[in-house]
Structure formats: C-alpha cells, structure tokens
Amino acid sequence: ADEAEPLETWMKRYSEERSLILGKFKNKTLLGFIGASLSDVDHYSKEAMRTHIPHGETICVHSVCVDLNLQRQGIATKLLHEFVLHVKGGFPGAKRICLICHE
C-alpha cells in the first residue's frame, strides 16, 4: 500500500503505451499484472519510474503484482517470462529490461 499508485497514473500509462502492461486472468478475474515504462536512462532513477519516454532504450518494470491469496504459486514468474517475450518483439529499439525490486 505504501507504494501503490492511483488509478489515474495507471490509466495515463495505459494510454501512453498499453503494450507495457500485461495482466494474467482466469475466468475474467485478474490474478496479477506487470506494469512498465520506457526510459532513456540505463540505470534506476525515480524519474525513470515516473516518466514514459516513447522511444527509450530501457524497459523499466516497476510493478509485478499478484493477488495476495495467490502468491507463491509461480504466477509472477510466468508473467515475467510472458512479458519478456511480449516486449522483445514489440520494442525493437529497446536494449535492456530492468526489473526494479526490493531486496
């Protein structure tokens, strides 16, 4: 909850580049999702997490979320694999994918 972003932020991201948000559903129920943005930096910065640069070379994954009741079932791992395959074909200018995470 301390890092949750408001719905308006997600809607803005979705309108800027919907290909960088991927959800996992079962029977129309959202199990988890990944959210990312493009950046023109090659390292982490708070600004890179807040700003979407349409022709950036770095895909910054900043949200990997799974329903609390479904965690530890491999959903996030499957989502990450699917996301990497998805963006490799859709963003030929991207040189790297960065996963921003806590220890």
N, C-alpha and C. Protein backbone atom coordinates (compact mmCIF):
# COMPACT_ATOMS: atom_id res chain seq x y z
N ALA A 1 0.82 -1.21 0.00
CA ALA A 1 0.00 0.00 0.00
C ALA A 1 0.86 1.26 0.00
N ASP A 2 2.04 1.21 0.61
CA ASP A 2 2.87 2.41 0.69
C ASP A 2 3.46 2.80 -0.66
N GLU A 3 3.42 1.91 -1.64
CA GLU A 3 3.95 2.23 -2.96
C GLU A 3 2.89 2.18 -4.06
N ALA A 4 1.66 1.97 -3.68
CA ALA A 4 0.58 1.87 -4.66
C ALA A 4 0.39 3.19 -5.39
N GLU A 5 0.13 3.09 -6.67
CA GLU A 5 -0.11 4.28 -7.47
C GLU A 5 -1.61 4.44 -7.69
N PRO A 6 -2.06 5.68 -7.79
CA PRO A 6 -3.50 5.90 -8.02
C PRO A 6 -3.93 5.40 -9.40
N LEU A 7 -5.19 5.11 -9.54
CA LEU A 7 -5.74 4.61 -10.79
C LEU A 7 -5.44 5.57 -11.95
N GLU A 8 -5.46 6.88 -11.70
CA GLU A 8 -5.19 7.87 -12.75
C GLU A 8 -3.80 7.66 -13.35
N THR A 9 -2.82 7.31 -12.51
CA THR A 9 -1.47 7.08 -13.01
C THR A 9 -1.45 5.88 -13.95
N TRP A 10 -2.14 4.80 -13.56
CA TRP A 10 -2.20 3.60 -14.41
C TRP A 10 -2.93 3.89 -15.71
N MET A 11 -3.99 4.66 -15.65
CA MET A 11 -4.74 4.99 -16.86
C MET A 11 -3.88 5.82 -17.81
N LYS A 12 -3.09 6.73 -17.27
CA LYS A 12 -2.18 7.54 -18.09
C LYS A 12 -1.14 6.63 -18.75
N ARG A 13 -0.55 5.72 -17.98
CA ARG A 13 0.43 4.79 -18.53
C ARG A 13 -0.20 3.93 -19.62
N TYR A 14 -1.40 3.45 -19.35
CA TYR A 14 -2.09 2.60 -20.31
C TYR A 14 -2.35 3.35 -21.61
N SER A 15 -2.71 4.61 -21.50
CA SER A 15 -2.97 5.40 -22.71
C SER A 15 -1.68 5.71 -23.46
N GLU A 16 -0.56 5.84 -22.74
CA GLU A 16 0.72 6.14 -23.39
C GLU A 16 1.30 4.92 -24.09
N GLU A 17 1.25 3.76 -23.45
CA GLU A 17 1.82 2.56 -24.05
C GLU A 17 1.21 1.31 -23.41
N ARG A 18 0.07 0.92 -23.92
CA ARG A 18 -0.65 -0.21 -23.34
C ARG A 18 0.09 -1.52 -23.46
N SER A 19 1.05 -1.62 -24.37
CA SER A 19 1.83 -2.85 -24.54
C SER A 19 2.77 -3.12 -23.37
N LEU A 20 2.93 -2.15 -22.48
CA LEU A 20 3.82 -2.34 -21.34
C LEU A 20 3.07 -2.70 -20.06
N ILE A 21 1.80 -3.02 -20.21
CA ILE A 21 1.01 -3.50 -19.07
C ILE A 21 0.43 -4.85 -19.49
N LEU A 22 0.71 -5.86 -18.70
CA LEU A 22 0.26 -7.21 -19.02
C LEU A 22 -0.43 -7.82 -17.81
N GLY A 23 -1.61 -8.33 -18.01
CA GLY A 23 -2.36 -8.95 -16.93
C GLY A 23 -2.53 -10.44 -17.15
N LYS A 24 -2.66 -11.17 -16.05
CA LYS A 24 -2.95 -12.61 -16.09
C LYS A 24 -4.33 -12.80 -15.50
N PHE A 25 -5.23 -13.39 -16.30
CA PHE A 25 -6.62 -13.56 -15.91
C PHE A 25 -7.00 -15.04 -15.88
N LYS A 26 -7.97 -15.34 -15.06
CA LYS A 26 -8.60 -16.67 -15.06
C LYS A 26 -10.09 -16.45 -14.83
N ASN A 27 -10.89 -16.87 -15.80
CA ASN A 27 -12.34 -16.67 -15.72
C ASN A 27 -12.71 -15.21 -15.44
N LYS A 28 -12.07 -14.30 -16.16
CA LYS A 28 -12.31 -12.85 -16.06
C LYS A 28 -11.88 -12.25 -14.72
N THR A 29 -11.15 -13.00 -13.92
CA THR A 29 -10.63 -12.49 -12.65
C THR A 29 -9.15 -12.19 -12.81
N LEU A 30 -8.73 -11.00 -12.43
CA LEU A 30 -7.33 -10.61 -12.53
C LEU A 30 -6.54 -11.30 -11.42
N LEU A 31 -5.56 -12.12 -11.82
CA LEU A 31 -4.70 -12.81 -10.86
C LEU A 31 -3.47 -11.99 -10.52
N GLY A 32 -2.96 -11.27 -11.52
CA GLY A 32 -1.76 -10.47 -11.33
C GLY A 32 -1.49 -9.65 -12.57
N PHE A 33 -0.54 -8.72 -12.45
CA PHE A 33 -0.18 -7.91 -13.60
C PHE A 33 1.24 -7.39 -13.48
N ILE A 34 1.76 -6.95 -14.61
CA ILE A 34 3.07 -6.30 -14.69
C ILE A 34 2.87 -4.96 -15.34
N GLY A 35 3.52 -3.94 -14.80
CA GLY A 35 3.48 -2.61 -15.38
C GLY A 35 4.89 -2.10 -15.59
N ALA A 36 5.11 -1.46 -16.72
CA ALA A 36 6.44 -0.96 -17.06
C ALA A 36 6.32 0.36 -17.81
N SER A 37 7.44 0.99 -18.01
CA SER A 37 7.51 2.20 -18.82
C SER A 37 8.84 2.18 -19.57
N LEU A 38 8.94 3.01 -20.59
CA LEU A 38 10.20 3.15 -21.33
C LEU A 38 10.96 4.35 -20.80
N SER A 39 12.26 4.22 -20.78
CA SER A 39 13.10 5.30 -20.27
C SER A 39 14.31 5.47 -21.18
N ASP A 40 14.95 6.62 -21.08
CA ASP A 40 16.16 6.85 -21.86
C ASP A 40 17.41 6.76 -20.99
N VAL A 41 17.29 6.21 -19.78
CA VAL A 41 18.46 6.01 -18.90
C VAL A 41 18.83 4.53 -18.89
N ASP A 42 20.05 4.23 -18.48
CA ASP A 42 20.47 2.82 -18.41
C ASP A 42 20.64 2.35 -16.97
N HIS A 43 20.06 3.09 -16.03
CA HIS A 43 20.14 2.73 -14.62
C HIS A 43 18.88 3.23 -13.91
N TYR A 44 18.69 2.77 -12.70
CA TYR A 44 17.50 3.17 -11.95
C TYR A 44 17.53 4.63 -11.55
N SER A 45 16.40 5.27 -11.66
CA SER A 45 16.20 6.60 -11.08
C SER A 45 14.71 6.76 -10.81
N LYS A 46 14.36 7.55 -9.82
CA LYS A 46 12.94 7.77 -9.54
C LYS A 46 12.26 8.43 -10.73
N GLU A 47 12.97 9.29 -11.41
CA GLU A 47 12.40 9.96 -12.58
C GLU A 47 12.07 8.94 -13.68
N ALA A 48 12.92 7.92 -13.85
CA ALA A 48 12.67 6.90 -14.86
C ALA A 48 11.39 6.13 -14.55
N MET A 49 11.03 6.04 -13.30
CA MET A 49 9.82 5.33 -12.92
C MET A 49 8.57 6.20 -13.13
N ARG A 50 8.74 7.51 -13.14
CA ARG A 50 7.61 8.42 -13.26
C ARG A 50 7.35 8.90 -14.69
N THR A 51 8.34 8.78 -15.54
CA THR A 51 8.26 9.38 -16.88
C THR A 51 8.35 8.29 -17.95
N HIS A 52 7.47 8.38 -18.92
CA HIS A 52 7.49 7.45 -20.05
C HIS A 52 8.11 8.17 -21.24
N ILE A 53 9.21 7.63 -21.75
CA ILE A 53 9.88 8.18 -22.93
C ILE A 53 9.58 7.22 -24.10
N PRO A 54 8.70 7.61 -25.01
CA PRO A 54 8.22 6.68 -26.04
C PRO A 54 9.29 5.93 -26.83
N HIS A 55 10.44 6.54 -27.06
CA HIS A 55 11.49 5.86 -27.84
C HIS A 55 12.69 5.50 -26.97
N GLY A 56 12.43 5.30 -25.66
CA GLY A 56 13.51 4.95 -24.74
C GLY A 56 14.10 3.59 -25.05
N GLU A 57 15.33 3.38 -24.60
CA GLU A 57 16.03 2.13 -24.85
C GLU A 57 15.94 1.16 -23.67
N THR A 58 15.36 1.59 -22.56
CA THR A 58 15.26 0.75 -21.38
C THR A 58 13.79 0.54 -21.00
N ILE A 59 13.39 -0.71 -20.89
CA ILE A 59 12.06 -1.04 -20.39
C ILE A 59 12.21 -1.23 -18.89
N CYS A 60 11.57 -0.35 -18.12
CA CYS A 60 11.66 -0.38 -16.66
C CYS A 60 10.42 -1.05 -16.08
N VAL A 61 10.58 -2.26 -15.58
CA VAL A 61 9.48 -2.97 -14.93
C VAL A 61 9.44 -2.51 -13.49
N HIS A 62 8.36 -1.84 -13.13
CA HIS A 62 8.29 -1.31 -11.77
C HIS A 62 7.13 -1.86 -10.96
N SER A 63 6.29 -2.69 -11.58
CA SER A 63 5.19 -3.30 -10.84
C SER A 63 5.03 -4.75 -11.28
N VAL A 64 5.18 -5.65 -10.35
CA VAL A 64 4.85 -7.06 -10.54
C VAL A 64 3.95 -7.40 -9.36
N CYS A 65 2.66 -7.50 -9.64
CA CYS A 65 1.67 -7.66 -8.56
C CYS A 65 0.86 -8.92 -8.78
N VAL A 66 0.68 -9.67 -7.69
CA VAL A 66 -0.15 -10.88 -7.71
C VAL A 66 -1.08 -10.81 -6.51
N ASP A 67 -2.31 -11.22 -6.72
CA ASP A 67 -3.29 -11.27 -5.64
C ASP A 67 -2.66 -11.95 -4.42
N LEU A 68 -2.81 -11.35 -3.26
CA LEU A 68 -2.20 -11.84 -2.04
C LEU A 68 -2.52 -13.31 -1.77
N ASN A 69 -3.74 -13.73 -2.07
CA ASN A 69 -4.15 -15.11 -1.83
C ASN A 69 -3.58 -16.11 -2.84
N LEU A 70 -2.93 -15.60 -3.89
CA LEU A 70 -2.41 -16.47 -4.95
C LEU A 70 -0.89 -16.44 -5.06
N GLN A 71 -0.25 -15.74 -4.16
CA GLN A 71 1.21 -15.64 -4.22
C GLN A 71 1.87 -16.97 -3.91
N ARG A 72 3.11 -17.12 -4.36
CA ARG A 72 3.91 -18.33 -4.18
C ARG A 72 3.38 -19.52 -4.98
N GLN A 73 2.73 -19.20 -6.11
CA GLN A 73 2.23 -20.26 -6.99
C GLN A 73 2.85 -20.16 -8.39
N GLY A 74 3.85 -19.31 -8.55
CA GLY A 74 4.53 -19.18 -9.82
C GLY A 74 3.89 -18.23 -10.80
N ILE A 75 2.86 -17.51 -10.38
CA ILE A 75 2.15 -16.60 -11.29
C ILE A 75 3.06 -15.47 -11.73
N ALA A 76 3.80 -14.86 -10.81
CA ALA A 76 4.69 -13.74 -11.17
C ALA A 76 5.79 -14.20 -12.12
N THR A 77 6.34 -15.38 -11.87
CA THR A 77 7.40 -15.90 -12.74
C THR A 77 6.86 -16.12 -14.16
N LYS A 78 5.68 -16.72 -14.27
CA LYS A 78 5.08 -16.93 -15.59
C LYS A 78 4.78 -15.60 -16.28
N LEU A 79 4.29 -14.63 -15.49
CA LEU A 79 4.01 -13.30 -16.05
C LEU A 79 5.29 -12.66 -16.58
N LEU A 80 6.36 -12.74 -15.82
CA LEU A 80 7.63 -12.14 -16.25
C LEU A 80 8.14 -12.78 -17.53
N HIS A 81 8.09 -14.11 -17.61
CA HIS A 81 8.52 -14.78 -18.84
C HIS A 81 7.67 -14.33 -20.03
N GLU A 82 6.37 -14.30 -19.85
CA GLU A 82 5.47 -13.88 -20.92
C GLU A 82 5.72 -12.42 -21.30
N PHE A 83 5.96 -11.58 -20.31
CA PHE A 83 6.21 -10.16 -20.56
C PHE A 83 7.48 -9.97 -21.39
N VAL A 84 8.55 -10.67 -21.03
CA VAL A 84 9.81 -10.56 -21.78
C VAL A 84 9.61 -10.96 -23.23
N LEU A 85 8.95 -12.07 -23.47
CA LEU A 85 8.67 -12.50 -24.85
C LEU A 85 7.82 -11.47 -25.58
N HIS A 86 6.85 -10.93 -24.89
CA HIS A 86 5.93 -9.94 -25.45
C HIS A 86 6.67 -8.67 -25.89
N VAL A 87 7.54 -8.14 -25.04
CA VAL A 87 8.19 -6.86 -25.37
C VAL A 87 9.37 -7.02 -26.31
N LYS A 88 9.97 -8.20 -26.36
CA LYS A 88 11.09 -8.40 -27.29
C LYS A 88 10.67 -8.15 -28.72
N GLY A 89 9.49 -8.58 -29.10
CA GLY A 89 9.02 -8.38 -30.46
C GLY A 89 8.40 -7.01 -30.69
N GLY A 90 7.89 -6.39 -29.65
CA GLY A 90 7.16 -5.14 -29.81
C GLY A 90 7.97 -3.87 -29.65
N PHE A 91 9.19 -3.98 -29.15
CA PHE A 91 10.02 -2.80 -28.90
C PHE A 91 11.44 -3.05 -29.41
N PRO A 92 11.61 -3.06 -30.74
CA PRO A 92 12.93 -3.37 -31.29
C PRO A 92 14.02 -2.36 -30.90
N GLY A 93 13.65 -1.16 -30.50
CA GLY A 93 14.64 -0.17 -30.10
C GLY A 93 15.12 -0.33 -28.66
N ALA A 94 14.44 -1.18 -27.90
CA ALA A 94 14.82 -1.39 -26.50
C ALA A 94 16.08 -2.27 -26.44
N LYS A 95 17.04 -1.83 -25.62
CA LYS A 95 18.29 -2.56 -25.47
C LYS A 95 18.34 -3.39 -24.20
N ARG A 96 17.46 -3.06 -23.25
CA ARG A 96 17.52 -3.77 -21.97
C ARG A 96 16.17 -3.71 -21.26
N ILE A 97 15.98 -4.65 -20.36
CA ILE A 97 14.82 -4.66 -19.49
C ILE A 97 15.35 -4.63 -18.06
N CYS A 98 14.93 -3.65 -17.29
CA CYS A 98 15.34 -3.54 -15.90
C CYS A 98 14.16 -3.86 -14.99
N LEU A 99 14.41 -4.72 -14.03
CA LEU A 99 13.40 -5.06 -13.03
C LEU A 99 13.76 -4.31 -11.76
N ILE A 100 12.90 -3.40 -11.36
CA ILE A 100 13.11 -2.64 -10.14
C ILE A 100 12.44 -3.41 -9.01
N CYS A 101 13.21 -3.77 -7.99
CA CYS A 101 12.62 -4.57 -6.91
C CYS A 101 13.31 -4.26 -5.58
N HIS A 102 12.70 -4.74 -4.54
CA HIS A 102 13.26 -4.62 -3.19
C HIS A 102 14.03 -5.89 -2.87
N GLU A 103 14.95 -5.78 -1.96
CA GLU A 103 15.76 -6.93 -1.55
C GLU A 103 14.88 -8.05 -1.00
